[in-house]
Amino acid sequence: MTTKENFKEFVKAHPILLNHVNQGKMTWQKFYEMYDMYGENSSVWDEYLSASTTFDILGFLKTLDLDNIQEGINSIQRVLGLIQDMHPTPGNQEVKKPRPIYRHFED
């Protein structure tokens, strides 16, 4: 791939750069020149990518489908309920009294 194509992939991986351009703090030309001179692993990007983690988390949260998450939680709760029914805890077990030895079933 060419440097230009690599730069496009770099920008796609770090969408926070778009905010810097939209706010007028940087231009795409300056970012491209930095990329061409220093590469993508240089510390010159630290200043511009530091807010990237927050941006990524917010972007991730926006893509969540809360209905699917709720369905998953409900499924897990049903499975846990079934497991608890099959293996009752000591507090939920019936206390069985032993039958006295000298008594028969019919007594």
C-alpha atoms as a PDB file:
ATOM      1  CA  MET A   1       0.000   0.000   0.000  1.00  0.00           C
ATOM      2  CA  THR A   2       1.074   3.564  -0.553  1.00  0.00           C
ATOM      3  CA  THR A   3       1.721   6.073   2.221  1.00  0.00           C
ATOM      4  CA  LYS A   4      -1.559   7.783   1.370  1.00  0.00           C
ATOM      5  CA  GLU A   5      -3.524   4.528   1.737  1.00  0.00           C
ATOM      6  CA  ASN A   6      -1.710   3.726   4.994  1.00  0.00           C
ATOM      7  CA  PHE A   7      -2.560   7.198   6.287  1.00  0.00           C
ATOM      8  CA  LYS A   8      -6.230   6.644   5.442  1.00  0.00           C
ATOM      9  CA  GLU A   9      -6.188   3.392   7.425  1.00  0.00           C
ATOM     10  CA  PHE A  10      -4.470   5.177  10.310  1.00  0.00           C
ATOM     11  CA  VAL A  11      -7.195   7.843  10.331  1.00  0.00           C
ATOM     12  CA  LYS A  12      -9.910   5.162  10.254  1.00  0.00           C
ATOM     13  CA  ALA A  13      -8.273   3.509  13.271  1.00  0.00           C
ATOM     14  CA  HIS A  14      -8.079   6.860  15.110  1.00  0.00           C
ATOM     15  CA  PRO A  15     -11.290   8.814  14.386  1.00  0.00           C
ATOM     16  CA  ILE A  16     -10.372  11.323  17.114  1.00  0.00           C
ATOM     17  CA  LEU A  17      -8.173  13.002  14.501  1.00  0.00           C
ATOM     18  CA  LEU A  18     -11.335  14.099  12.717  1.00  0.00           C
ATOM     19  CA  ASN A  19     -12.329  16.111  15.797  1.00  0.00           C
ATOM     20  CA  HIS A  20      -9.021  17.994  15.741  1.00  0.00           C
ATOM     21  CA  VAL A  21      -9.576  18.911  12.097  1.00  0.00           C
ATOM     22  CA  ASN A  22     -13.233  19.867  12.619  1.00  0.00           C
ATOM     23  CA  GLN A  23     -12.295  22.089  15.558  1.00  0.00           C
ATOM     24  CA  GLY A  24      -9.648  23.837  13.461  1.00  0.00           C
ATOM     25  CA  LYS A  25      -6.768  22.708  15.657  1.00  0.00           C
ATOM     26  CA  MET A  26      -5.059  20.830  12.795  1.00  0.00           C
ATOM     27  CA  THR A  27      -5.395  20.225   9.096  1.00  0.00           C
ATOM     28  CA  TRP A  28      -5.348  16.973   7.191  1.00  0.00           C
ATOM     29  CA  GLN A  29      -2.259  18.222   5.377  1.00  0.00           C
ATOM     30  CA  LYS A  30      -0.352  18.683   8.642  1.00  0.00           C
ATOM     31  CA  PHE A  31      -1.468  15.303   9.917  1.00  0.00           C
ATOM     32  CA  TYR A  32      -0.377  13.669   6.662  1.00  0.00           C
ATOM     33  CA  GLU A  33       3.024  15.374   6.813  1.00  0.00           C
ATOM     34  CA  MET A  34       3.487  14.165  10.407  1.00  0.00           C
ATOM     35  CA  TYR A  35       2.502  10.662   9.345  1.00  0.00           C
ATOM     36  CA  ASP A  36       4.880  10.736   6.392  1.00  0.00           C
ATOM     37  CA  MET A  37       7.806  12.022   8.477  1.00  0.00           C
ATOM     38  CA  TYR A  38       7.355  10.139  11.760  1.00  0.00           C
ATOM     39  CA  GLY A  39       5.137   7.156  10.981  1.00  0.00           C
ATOM     40  CA  GLU A  40       2.207   5.945  13.021  1.00  0.00           C
ATOM     41  CA  ASN A  41       4.094   4.703  16.091  1.00  0.00           C
ATOM     42  CA  SER A  42       5.807   7.976  16.947  1.00  0.00           C
ATOM     43  CA  SER A  43       5.258   9.866  20.184  1.00  0.00           C
ATOM     44  CA  VAL A  44       4.157  12.930  18.153  1.00  0.00           C
ATOM     45  CA  TRP A  45       0.688  11.357  18.045  1.00  0.00           C
ATOM     46  CA  ASP A  46       0.350  11.161  21.838  1.00  0.00           C
ATOM     47  CA  GLU A  47      -1.014  14.689  22.062  1.00  0.00           C
ATOM     48  CA  TYR A  48      -3.680  14.024  19.438  1.00  0.00           C
ATOM     49  CA  LEU A  49      -4.615  10.480  20.391  1.00  0.00           C
ATOM     50  CA  SER A  50      -4.707  10.893  24.179  1.00  0.00           C
ATOM     51  CA  ALA A  51      -8.459  11.414  24.149  1.00  0.00           C
ATOM     52  CA  SER A  52      -8.832   8.483  21.784  1.00  0.00           C
ATOM     53  CA  THR A  53      -9.663   6.010  24.553  1.00  0.00           C
ATOM     54  CA  THR A  54     -12.600   8.079  25.759  1.00  0.00           C
ATOM     55  CA  PHE A  55     -13.779   8.592  22.197  1.00  0.00           C
ATOM     56  CA  ASP A  56     -13.520   4.873  21.464  1.00  0.00           C
ATOM     57  CA  ILE A  57     -15.489   3.960  24.580  1.00  0.00           C
ATOM     58  CA  LEU A  58     -18.244   6.434  23.764  1.00  0.00           C
ATOM     59  CA  GLY A  59     -18.361   5.185  20.197  1.00  0.00           C
ATOM     60  CA  PHE A  60     -18.606   1.616  21.450  1.00  0.00           C
ATOM     61  CA  LEU A  61     -21.414   2.490  23.862  1.00  0.00           C
ATOM     62  CA  LYS A  62     -23.382   4.120  21.049  1.00  0.00           C
ATOM     63  CA  THR A  63     -23.266   0.903  19.029  1.00  0.00           C
ATOM     64  CA  LEU A  64     -24.618  -1.321  21.818  1.00  0.00           C
ATOM     65  CA  ASP A  65     -28.061  -2.807  21.309  1.00  0.00           C
ATOM     66  CA  LEU A  66     -29.580  -2.685  24.773  1.00  0.00           C
ATOM     67  CA  ASP A  67     -32.457  -4.996  23.806  1.00  0.00           C
ATOM     68  CA  ASN A  68     -30.020  -7.761  22.840  1.00  0.00           C
ATOM     69  CA  ILE A  69     -28.069  -7.249  26.054  1.00  0.00           C
ATOM     70  CA  GLN A  70     -31.281  -7.488  28.105  1.00  0.00           C
ATOM     71  CA  GLU A  71     -32.266 -10.694  26.282  1.00  0.00           C
ATOM     72  CA  GLY A  72     -28.839 -12.158  27.046  1.00  0.00           C
ATOM     73  CA  ILE A  73     -29.123 -11.247  30.720  1.00  0.00           C
ATOM     74  CA  ASN A  74     -32.605 -12.799  30.897  1.00  0.00           C
ATOM     75  CA  SER A  75     -31.294 -16.006  29.308  1.00  0.00           C
ATOM     76  CA  ILE A  76     -28.454 -16.206  31.815  1.00  0.00           C
ATOM     77  CA  GLN A  77     -30.894 -15.660  34.692  1.00  0.00           C
ATOM     78  CA  ARG A  78     -33.114 -18.489  33.425  1.00  0.00           C
ATOM     79  CA  VAL A  79     -30.139 -20.838  33.161  1.00  0.00           C
ATOM     80  CA  LEU A  80     -28.982 -19.929  36.668  1.00  0.00           C
ATOM     81  CA  GLY A  81     -32.511 -20.536  37.965  1.00  0.00           C
ATOM     82  CA  LEU A  82     -32.554 -23.998  36.388  1.00  0.00           C
ATOM     83  CA  ILE A  83     -29.163 -24.824  37.872  1.00  0.00           C
ATOM     84  CA  GLN A  84     -30.314 -23.694  41.313  1.00  0.00           C
ATOM     85  CA  ASP A  85     -33.432 -25.857  41.016  1.00  0.00           C
ATOM     86  CA  MET A  86     -31.311 -28.877  40.142  1.00  0.00           C
ATOM     87  CA  HIS A  87     -28.771 -28.262  42.921  1.00  0.00           C
ATOM     88  CA  PRO A  88     -30.522 -26.590  45.834  1.00  0.00           C
ATOM     89  CA  THR A  89     -28.421 -24.755  48.351  1.00  0.00           C
ATOM     90  CA  PRO A  90     -28.376 -25.999  51.978  1.00  0.00           C
ATOM     91  CA  GLY A  91     -30.797 -23.263  53.033  1.00  0.00           C
ATOM     92  CA  ASN A  92     -33.343 -24.301  50.407  1.00  0.00           C
ATOM     93  CA  GLN A  93     -33.298 -28.071  51.068  1.00  0.00           C
ATOM     94  CA  GLU A  94     -36.069 -29.812  52.906  1.00  0.00           C
ATOM     95  CA  VAL A  95     -34.969 -31.190  56.229  1.00  0.00           C
ATOM     96  CA  LYS A  96     -35.834 -34.863  56.287  1.00  0.00           C
ATOM     97  CA  LYS A  97     -36.264 -36.512  59.640  1.00  0.00           C
ATOM     98  CA  PRO A  98     -35.006 -40.044  59.820  1.00  0.00           C
ATOM     99  CA  ARG A  99     -37.644 -42.720  60.461  1.00  0.00           C
ATOM    100  CA  PRO A 100     -37.208 -44.400  63.802  1.00  0.00           C
ATOM    101  CA  ILE A 101     -35.784 -47.908  63.459  1.00  0.00           C
ATOM    102  CA  TYR A 102     -38.492 -49.596  65.485  1.00  0.00           C
ATOM    103  CA  ARG A 103     -41.349 -48.193  63.344  1.00  0.00           C
ATOM    104  CA  HIS A 104     -42.627 -49.754  60.181  1.00  0.00           C
ATOM    105  CA  PHE A 105     -43.961 -47.959  57.155  1.00  0.00           C
ATOM    106  CA  GLU A 106     -47.542 -48.709  58.055  1.00  0.00           C
ATOM    107  CA  ASP A 107     -47.275 -47.397  61.638  1.00  0.00           C
END
